[in-house]
Protein backbone atom coordinates (compact mmCIF):
# COMPACT_ATOMS: atom_id res chain seq x y z
CA MET A 1 0.00 0.00 0.00
CA ASP A 2 1.05 3.60 -0.60
CA ILE A 3 0.48 6.47 1.83
CA ASN A 4 -0.57 9.85 0.42
CA ARG A 5 -0.92 12.90 2.65
CA ILE A 6 -3.65 15.51 2.08
CA GLY A 7 -2.87 18.68 4.01
CA ARG A 8 -2.15 18.28 7.70
CA ASP A 9 -5.14 16.21 8.67
CA ILE A 10 -5.73 13.38 6.18
CA ASP A 11 -3.74 10.31 5.19
CA VAL A 12 -4.85 8.19 2.25
CA LEU A 13 -4.05 4.47 2.52
CA SER A 14 -3.91 3.66 -1.18
CA ASP A 15 -4.31 0.14 -2.55
CA GLN A 16 -5.41 -1.09 -5.97
CA LEU A 17 -6.89 -4.13 -7.64
CA GLU A 18 -6.56 -5.12 -11.29
CA VAL A 19 -9.89 -5.74 -13.02
CA PRO A 20 -9.26 -7.52 -16.35
CA GLY A 21 -10.64 -5.59 -19.27
CA ILE A 22 -11.34 -2.49 -17.19
CA GLY A 23 -8.10 -1.37 -15.57
CA PHE A 24 -6.69 -0.89 -12.10
CA MET A 25 -9.25 0.16 -9.49
CA PRO A 26 -8.00 2.36 -6.67
CA VAL A 27 -9.13 1.06 -3.27
CA ASN A 28 -8.57 3.73 -0.64
CA ALA A 29 -9.09 4.00 3.06
CA PHE A 30 -8.45 7.19 5.02
CA VAL A 31 -7.26 8.44 8.38
CA LEU A 32 -8.70 11.76 9.52
CA HIS A 33 -6.45 13.15 12.25
CA ALA A 34 -9.19 14.89 14.21
CA ALA A 35 -9.06 15.44 17.96
CA GLU A 36 -10.90 12.11 18.03
CA PRO A 37 -9.17 10.29 15.14
CA VAL A 38 -11.35 8.65 12.49
CA VAL A 39 -10.47 5.75 10.18
CA VAL A 40 -12.66 5.67 7.08
CA ASP A 41 -13.11 2.12 5.73
CA THR A 42 -10.63 -0.71 6.21
CA GLY A 43 -9.43 -1.96 2.84
CA LEU A 44 -9.80 -5.06 0.74
CA SER A 45 -10.94 -8.42 2.09
CA LEU A 46 -7.97 -10.20 0.53
CA PRO A 47 -4.97 -11.76 2.28
CA GLY A 48 -1.64 -10.01 2.48
CA ARG A 49 -2.73 -6.44 1.71
CA GLY A 50 -0.88 -4.98 4.70
CA PHE A 51 -3.65 -2.66 5.82
CA MET A 52 -2.87 -2.75 9.53
CA ASP A 53 0.84 -2.17 8.91
CA ALA A 54 0.03 0.81 6.68
CA LEU A 55 -2.39 2.17 9.27
CA GLY A 56 0.17 1.74 12.03
CA SER A 57 2.66 3.84 10.06
CA VAL A 58 0.42 6.93 10.35
CA ILE A 59 -1.40 6.40 13.67
CA ASP A 60 -1.26 4.13 16.68
CA PRO A 61 -4.43 2.02 16.33
CA GLN A 62 -5.04 2.38 20.06
CA ASP A 63 -5.58 6.10 19.47
CA VAL A 64 -8.40 5.55 16.95
CA GLU A 65 -11.73 6.75 18.37
CA TRP A 66 -14.02 6.21 15.37
CA ILE A 67 -14.26 3.82 12.40
CA TRP A 68 -16.53 5.22 9.69
CA LEU A 69 -17.71 2.37 7.48
CA THR A 70 -19.12 4.01 4.37
CA HIS A 71 -20.85 0.72 3.52
CA PRO A 72 -20.27 -2.99 4.21
CA ASP A 73 -18.96 -4.20 0.83
CA ARG A 74 -15.91 -6.45 0.94
CA ASP A 75 -13.58 -3.79 -0.49
CA HIS A 76 -14.36 -1.60 2.54
CA THR A 77 -14.38 -4.12 5.40
CA GLY A 78 -11.18 -6.12 4.95
CA SER A 79 -9.49 -5.28 8.26
CA LEU A 80 -12.53 -4.15 10.20
CA PHE A 81 -12.41 -6.76 12.93
CA ASP A 82 -8.61 -6.55 13.19
CA LEU A 83 -8.97 -2.81 13.75
CA LEU A 84 -11.79 -3.23 16.27
CA GLU A 85 -9.50 -5.52 18.25
CA ALA A 86 -6.49 -3.20 17.96
CA ALA A 87 -8.51 -0.05 18.77
CA PRO A 88 -10.39 -0.92 21.97
CA ARG A 89 -11.99 2.54 22.36
CA ALA A 90 -13.15 2.87 18.75
CA ARG A 91 -16.84 3.07 17.88
CA LEU A 92 -18.07 1.79 14.51
CA ILE A 93 -20.16 4.31 12.56
CA THR A 94 -22.70 2.74 10.23
CA THR A 95 -26.45 2.67 9.62
CA PHE A 96 -29.12 0.30 10.92
CA LEU A 97 -29.12 -1.42 7.52
CA GLY A 98 -25.33 -1.52 7.38
CA ALA A 99 -25.14 -3.18 10.78
CA GLY A 100 -27.74 -5.70 9.70
CA ILE A 101 -25.87 -6.58 6.51
CA MET A 102 -22.59 -6.97 8.41
CA SER A 103 -24.19 -9.21 11.02
CA THR A 104 -25.27 -11.77 8.40
CA GLU A 105 -21.58 -12.61 7.98
CA ARG A 106 -20.14 -12.03 11.46
CA PRO A 107 -21.82 -10.52 14.51
CA LEU A 108 -20.82 -6.97 15.32
CA PRO A 109 -20.11 -5.87 18.89
CA MET A 110 -23.34 -3.88 19.11
CA ASP A 111 -22.20 -1.95 22.18
CA ARG A 112 -19.53 -0.40 19.94
CA VAL A 113 -21.85 0.46 17.03
CA TYR A 114 -22.89 4.10 16.47
CA LEU A 115 -25.83 4.52 14.08
CA LEU A 116 -25.72 7.70 11.98
CA ASN A 117 -28.10 8.57 9.15
CA PRO A 118 -27.67 10.95 6.19
CA GLY A 119 -28.27 14.51 7.36
CA GLN A 120 -27.04 13.84 10.89
CA SER A 121 -23.71 15.09 12.25
CA LEU A 122 -21.03 13.83 14.60
CA ASP A 123 -18.73 16.00 16.74
CA VAL A 124 -15.21 14.51 16.81
CA GLY A 125 -13.70 17.07 19.16
CA ASP A 126 -12.33 19.75 16.86
CA ARG A 127 -14.74 19.49 13.92
CA ARG A 128 -18.16 18.30 12.85
CA LEU A 129 -18.67 15.51 10.32
CA THR A 130 -21.97 15.66 8.45
CA ALA A 131 -23.28 12.46 6.90
CA PHE A 132 -24.78 12.47 3.41
CA ARG A 133 -25.96 10.03 0.75
CA PRO A 134 -23.64 10.28 -2.28
CA PRO A 135 -25.40 10.80 -5.63
CA LEU A 136 -24.15 7.41 -6.90
CA PHE A 137 -23.85 4.29 -4.75
CA ASP A 138 -24.02 0.52 -5.08
CA ASN A 139 -25.18 -0.34 -1.57
CA PRO A 140 -28.33 1.03 0.11
CA SER A 141 -26.48 1.62 3.38
CA THR A 142 -23.89 3.94 1.81
CA VAL A 143 -23.15 7.09 3.82
CA GLY A 144 -20.31 9.50 3.09
CA PHE A 145 -19.53 12.69 4.98
CA TYR A 146 -18.26 16.26 4.82
CA ASP A 147 -15.54 17.52 7.17
CA ASP A 148 -16.30 21.15 8.00
CA GLN A 149 -12.68 21.92 8.94
CA THR A 150 -10.73 20.61 5.95
CA GLY A 151 -13.52 21.04 3.39
CA ALA A 152 -13.08 17.40 2.40
CA CYS A 153 -15.89 15.25 1.06
CA PHE A 154 -15.53 11.52 1.69
CA SER A 155 -17.73 10.17 -1.11
CA SER A 156 -17.45 6.37 -0.76
CA ASP A 157 -17.73 4.76 -4.25
CA CYS A 158 -19.05 7.90 -5.96
CA PHE A 159 -16.70 9.56 -8.50
CA GLY A 160 -14.53 6.44 -8.85
CA ALA A 161 -12.71 5.49 -12.04
CA PRO A 162 -10.39 2.68 -13.15
CA MET A 163 -6.85 3.82 -13.87
CA PRO A 164 -4.67 2.59 -16.75
CA THR A 165 -1.80 1.54 -14.45
CA ALA A 166 -1.33 0.40 -10.87
CA GLU A 167 0.95 3.39 -10.26
CA LEU A 168 -1.78 5.85 -11.25
CA ALA A 169 -4.31 3.97 -9.12
CA THR A 170 -2.27 4.71 -5.99
CA CYS A 171 -0.96 8.16 -6.92
CA GLY A 172 -1.43 11.23 -4.76
CA ASP A 173 -3.56 13.31 -7.12
CA VAL A 174 -6.00 12.53 -9.91
CA GLY A 175 -4.45 15.37 -11.95
CA HIS A 176 -1.85 12.87 -13.18
CA ILE A 177 -4.46 11.48 -15.60
CA SER A 178 -5.83 13.56 -18.49
CA ALA A 179 -9.23 15.19 -18.06
CA ASP A 180 -10.71 13.25 -21.01
CA ASP A 181 -9.45 9.89 -19.78
CA LEU A 182 -10.66 10.68 -16.27
CA ARG A 183 -14.16 11.57 -17.44
CA ALA A 184 -14.38 8.42 -19.56
CA GLY A 185 -13.23 6.29 -16.64
CA GLN A 186 -15.68 7.91 -14.24
CA LEU A 187 -18.61 7.42 -16.61
CA LEU A 188 -17.61 3.79 -17.08
CA TRP A 189 -17.45 3.26 -13.32
CA ALA A 190 -20.77 5.03 -12.83
CA THR A 191 -22.48 2.55 -15.15
CA VAL A 192 -20.68 -0.45 -13.58
CA ASP A 193 -21.21 0.46 -9.94
CA SER A 194 -24.59 2.20 -10.18
CA PRO A 195 -26.43 0.72 -13.19
CA TRP A 196 -29.70 2.06 -11.78
CA VAL A 197 -28.62 5.53 -12.96
CA HIS A 198 -30.03 4.67 -16.42
CA THR A 199 -33.53 4.07 -15.02
CA VAL A 200 -34.09 7.05 -12.74
CA ASP A 201 -35.97 10.24 -13.55
CA LYS A 202 -33.18 12.48 -14.83
CA ALA A 203 -34.60 15.68 -13.37
CA ARG A 204 -34.81 14.16 -9.91
CA PHE A 205 -31.30 12.76 -10.25
CA LEU A 206 -29.99 16.21 -11.17
CA ASP A 207 -31.76 17.62 -8.12
CA SER A 208 -29.77 15.17 -5.98
CA LEU A 209 -26.55 16.95 -7.00
CA ALA A 210 -27.63 20.26 -5.47
CA PRO A 211 -26.42 19.59 -1.89
CA LEU A 212 -22.95 18.67 -3.11
CA ARG A 213 -22.87 21.75 -5.34
CA ALA A 214 -23.85 23.93 -2.37
CA VAL A 215 -21.09 22.52 -0.17
CA ASP A 216 -18.50 22.77 -3.01
CA PRO A 217 -15.87 20.65 -1.23
CA ALA A 218 -12.23 21.64 -1.58
CA VAL A 219 -11.19 18.03 -1.99
CA ILE A 220 -13.12 14.91 -2.98
CA LEU A 221 -11.91 11.65 -1.50
CA SER A 222 -13.42 8.60 -3.17
CA THR A 223 -12.70 5.00 -2.30
CA HIS A 224 -12.03 4.33 -5.97
CA LEU A 225 -10.18 7.42 -7.20
CA PRO A 226 -6.93 9.20 -6.32
CA PRO A 227 -7.50 12.37 -4.30
CA ALA A 228 -9.12 15.18 -6.30
CA THR A 229 -8.60 18.83 -5.34
CA GLU A 230 -10.83 21.67 -6.60
CA ARG A 231 -12.66 19.45 -9.11
CA THR A 232 -16.26 19.70 -7.88
CA PRO A 233 -17.82 21.51 -10.90
CA GLU A 234 -16.11 19.11 -13.32
CA PHE A 235 -17.18 16.07 -11.32
CA LEU A 236 -20.77 17.25 -11.02
CA ALA A 237 -20.90 17.75 -14.79
CA MET A 238 -19.74 14.15 -15.16
CA LEU A 239 -22.50 12.94 -12.84
CA ALA A 240 -25.09 14.92 -14.80
CA ALA A 241 -24.02 13.00 -17.92
CA ALA A 242 -24.12 9.57 -16.24
CA PRO A 243 -27.80 8.75 -16.97
CA GLY A 244 -27.10 9.11 -20.70
CA ALA A 245 -23.82 7.17 -20.74
CA ASP A 246 -23.62 3.82 -22.50
CA PRO A 247 -24.77 1.02 -20.17
CA PHE A 248 -22.09 -1.42 -19.14
CA THR A 249 -22.39 -5.02 -20.34
CA GLY A 250 -19.87 -7.43 -18.89
CA PRO A 251 -18.36 -10.51 -20.53
CA ASP A 252 -20.65 -13.54 -20.86
CA GLN A 253 -19.90 -17.25 -20.58
CA ALA A 254 -18.69 -17.50 -24.19
CA ALA A 255 -16.15 -14.76 -23.51
CA LEU A 256 -15.03 -16.52 -20.34
CA GLU A 257 -14.54 -19.79 -22.17
CA GLN A 258 -12.55 -18.02 -24.87
CA LEU A 259 -10.34 -16.49 -22.21
CA LEU A 260 -9.84 -19.82 -20.41
CA ALA A 261 -8.81 -21.42 -23.70
CA THR A 262 -5.78 -19.10 -23.83
CA PHE A 263 -4.47 -20.34 -20.49
CA GLU A 264 -1.73 -22.94 -20.41
CA PRO A 265 -2.89 -26.27 -18.98
CA ALA A 266 -1.74 -27.05 -15.48
CA THR A 267 1.30 -29.31 -15.36
CA SER A 268 1.05 -32.57 -13.47
CA THR A 269 3.16 -32.87 -10.33
CA GLY A 270 2.55 -36.61 -9.93
C-alpha cells in the first residue's frame, strides 16, 4: 500500500486491484487526524494487503476513536475486525441497515456500534462531520460525509474510475491522468457500480446533485479514485451525464470460455 498525505489532517491508505478488461481500481481507506481520530473504511478483504501495517505507520491504532464504514462491501471491510481488536476505544459508525448486513456474515459488537443517518452530524472534538448520501452508490447503506474543517468530502464509491496503471491507481492526485481519460473512466465506473442511474428520472437525479454543489468541497476523497482537489464543478458535470452514458455489459460465458482457452494447462506434479 502507498500512503498519500492531504494537508495536515488526512492520510490516504492507497491500494489497488486489477480488473481484467477495465483497468486498475483504486481502493482507498483514510485516516482523519481529528481530535478524536477517524479511520474511514478498512481496505480489501484479501490476504496479504498490509492494511494494519500501513495504518500503524500513520497512527497508533489504540488512538483511533471512530471507524466510519461508508458501507459494508468487501472492499471496505477487509481489516474491520482486526482494527476493532487493535482499537479498543473505537466506535463503529454505520447505519441500521449496514449493521444488519454486516451481522449476516459475522456478529458486530453492538455496544460499539454508532448509528448515523444521512443529514445527521457527529462531533469529533475539533470538527463536525456531516453524513450524506452520495449521488451514486451501489449499496443502500452507503453514507459519506463532509468535514467542516478541511472542506473534504468523503464520497465512498461515488466519483470512482479505473486507472490505466497500478501506479496511477495509488498516486497522490488525480491530476496525473488527463481530463478526457478521467471523465471516460468515471462514466464507465458510474455505469458499472450504479447501473440504476439509467432508469431514474433524470430531473430528480440532477436535483440530488444540489447539496454537493452547495457545499463545493475543496477536496473529494473517493474509495475508488486518487485524491481530487478543486474538481467539484467538473465532477458534477460528469454525474449529470451519467444517466445518458452507454450502459455497461460485462463478458458472458462464451467470452469466459474463450479467455480460459488461452491459459496454459496445469502441469502434473505426480
